[in-house]
Amino acid sequence: MRTRFLFLAATLFAPLGASAQPLIQSQEGIALQNEILQLQQQVQSLQSQGGGNGASSLGGTTPPAPSGNQGSNALIPTLLTQVQQLQAQVQTLNGEVSDLQHQQQTQNDQTQKEIGDLKFQMTNGASAAPGGQGAAIPPASPGASQAPAPDDPKATLQAAISAYEKHDYATAEKLAQGIVTHHRSAPQAYRAQYLVAQSYAAKGDSSSAAVAYYNTYNMNKSGTYAPRSMLGLASSLAAIGQNQEACETLASLNSQYPKPPAGMQSEIDAVSSRAHCQ
């Protein structure tokens, strides 16, 4: 229960001052706060019963209350102890919530840094996007060019396609990337490059997929896979939150291919909707 309270109330605690209480808005927190208030009220009531001598129960110098009030005054230290214990619990919870908030802020800062680094590489390390729109391209994934050189590009491509069809996307990407890296001039290299992009996309690695689709387009801007490469690029950019660049890529696609290949229009519309293009 305590763990659930910490996560639900992570942003609802105000720092405790010398006498201030935290703002707690969960059911558990409100109950705890009410319990503190009730005990404080009991203390005040008992002090009032003691008349002018109430202060003595709090450690003052005034003599003790008359014997008729001794029972009431005897309860005051116990109630004060309970109040202090409950306040200590609130402070402990507040400290744990602060730790959670710090962890969350650290994660957010790291994410923002990664986005900033990505945008910097897009701006300074990549060529202009298809159509001159300046679409952002993430950095290539490390180690992508380290696949072993295939002896027969044609046979290797067939093996890569077979692996892809079996949903073994890592093997498909590795084999296809080997063709592109070591046999770039081979007729199979263009298809292999597109398969690399497809494999990354199927694995959910949208950043690497965007790079691979962009490279496919640049390999042959009038080739068979050019329009689908632009669509894949737009979809990958939308997946990593680069909606403006995704929309610009779709605008270039629509400009270059007013009548896209069969079956593509619905996919274009879907990506446009996902990227909130106007």
Foldseek 3Di string as FASTA:
>chain_A
DLVVLLVVCLPQFDDDDPPDGTGGDDPVVVVLVVVLVVLVVLLVVLLVVQPPQSVVLVVDPRDHGPPVSPVSSVCNVVSVVVSVVSRVVRNVSNVVSVVVVVVVVVVVVVVVVVVVVQVVCQVPVDDAAQPNLSQGAGDADPPLLVQDADPDLVVLQVVLVVCVVVVVLVSNSSSLSNCCNPPVVDPCNLVSLLSNLVSCVSVVVLRNSLVSLRVSCVSPVPDPCNLVSLLSNLQSCLSVPNLVSSLSSLVSSCVVCVPDPPPCVVSSVVSCVSSVPD
